[in-house]
Amino acid sequence: MSDCEDTLQELYRFLDGELREERRVRVQSHLDGCLDCLQAFDFHAELRIVIARTCRETDLPESLAARLEACFGPDALEGLGSELADDLGRSDTDR
């Protein structure tokens, strides 16, 4: 596998800070020297920002909340913040 393929496969783990130090340094080093991978990194980093902003500014549909709870249990929405809990008709103490 090429360095680009390796780097792109690790991109989300890199963005999430989930790589071990040695791997993180290798990915960062590759990004520093490869314009194509750096552009992919920039795109995905910006996409994550847009998605996070949209999720904070948009109400979670009740049907989606119900599906999340059905799949992942009653604690699935824990940690999503009081605004989202309010949107769902729950207080932080209800979760």
Protein backbone atom coordinates (compact mmCIF):
# COMPACT_ATOMS: atom_id res chain seq x y z
CA MET A 1 0.00 0.00 0.00
CA SER A 2 1.23 3.49 -0.75
CA ASP A 3 1.79 6.21 1.84
CA CYS A 4 -1.19 8.07 0.39
CA GLU A 5 -3.48 5.06 0.75
CA ASP A 6 -2.28 4.45 4.31
CA THR A 7 -2.73 8.11 5.20
CA LEU A 8 -6.22 8.35 3.73
CA GLN A 9 -7.29 5.18 5.54
CA GLU A 10 -6.15 6.70 8.84
CA LEU A 11 -7.58 10.15 8.20
CA TYR A 12 -10.64 9.93 10.46
CA ARG A 13 -8.69 8.36 13.29
CA PHE A 14 -6.13 11.15 12.85
CA LEU A 15 -8.85 13.80 12.95
CA ASP A 16 -10.32 12.18 16.08
CA GLY A 17 -6.94 12.03 17.80
CA GLU A 18 -7.19 8.25 18.05
CA LEU A 19 -3.80 7.30 16.57
CA ARG A 20 -0.84 6.24 18.63
CA GLU A 21 1.93 8.82 18.72
CA GLU A 22 4.18 7.02 16.22
CA ARG A 23 1.39 6.65 13.66
CA ARG A 24 0.14 10.19 14.25
CA VAL A 25 3.60 11.56 13.55
CA ARG A 26 3.87 9.50 10.34
CA VAL A 27 0.48 10.71 9.11
CA GLN A 28 1.30 14.33 9.99
CA SER A 29 4.65 14.04 8.24
CA HIS A 30 2.96 12.69 5.13
CA LEU A 31 0.35 15.46 5.18
CA ASP A 32 3.12 18.04 5.48
CA GLY A 33 4.68 16.77 2.26
CA CYS A 34 1.72 15.66 0.12
CA LEU A 35 -0.58 18.32 -1.26
CA ASP A 36 -3.22 15.82 -2.43
CA CYS A 37 -3.57 14.20 1.01
CA LEU A 38 -3.46 17.60 2.70
CA GLN A 39 -6.35 18.75 0.52
CA ALA A 40 -8.30 15.59 1.45
CA PHE A 41 -7.53 16.28 5.13
CA ASP A 42 -8.67 19.90 4.82
CA PHE A 43 -11.91 18.83 3.12
CA HIS A 44 -12.76 16.25 5.78
CA ALA A 45 -11.80 18.57 8.63
CA GLU A 46 -14.05 21.31 7.22
CA LEU A 47 -16.84 18.80 6.58
CA ARG A 48 -16.74 17.74 10.21
CA ILE A 49 -17.00 21.38 11.30
CA VAL A 50 -20.02 21.96 9.04
CA ILE A 51 -21.72 18.79 10.26
CA ALA A 52 -21.09 19.66 13.92
CA ARG A 53 -22.41 23.20 13.42
CA THR A 54 -25.48 21.93 11.60
CA CYS A 55 -26.18 19.38 14.32
CA ARG A 56 -25.99 22.10 16.99
CA GLU A 57 -28.27 24.45 15.06
CA THR A 58 -30.85 21.92 13.87
CA ASP A 59 -33.39 20.05 15.97
CA LEU A 60 -32.95 16.30 16.04
CA PRO A 61 -36.09 14.72 14.57
CA GLU A 62 -37.98 12.68 17.17
CA SER A 63 -38.06 9.67 14.86
CA LEU A 64 -34.25 9.70 14.64
CA ALA A 65 -33.90 10.05 18.40
CA ALA A 66 -36.23 7.08 18.87
CA ARG A 67 -34.24 4.98 16.39
CA LEU A 68 -30.97 5.90 18.12
CA GLU A 69 -32.38 4.90 21.47
CA ALA A 70 -33.79 1.66 20.02
CA CYS A 71 -30.44 0.73 18.51
CA PHE A 72 -28.07 1.93 21.20
CA GLY A 73 -30.17 2.04 24.37
CA PRO A 74 -31.54 4.83 26.52
CA ASP A 75 -28.09 6.37 27.06
CA ALA A 76 -27.50 6.85 23.32
CA LEU A 77 -28.24 10.57 23.48
CA GLU A 78 -26.24 11.17 26.66
CA GLY A 79 -23.67 13.91 26.32
CA LEU A 80 -25.37 15.63 23.41
CA GLY A 81 -26.02 18.71 25.48
CA SER A 82 -28.93 20.36 27.17
CA GLU A 83 -30.15 22.08 24.01
CA LEU A 84 -30.64 18.73 22.30
CA ALA A 85 -32.23 17.27 25.41
CA ASP A 86 -34.63 20.23 25.45
CA ASP A 87 -35.39 19.61 21.78
CA LEU A 88 -36.32 16.07 22.70
CA GLY A 89 -38.42 17.12 25.65
CA ARG A 90 -35.96 15.79 28.23
CA SER A 91 -33.93 17.48 30.88
CA ASP A 92 -30.34 16.52 31.66
CA THR A 93 -31.59 14.76 34.79
CA ASP A 94 -33.97 12.61 32.74
CA ARG A 95 -31.11 11.05 30.82
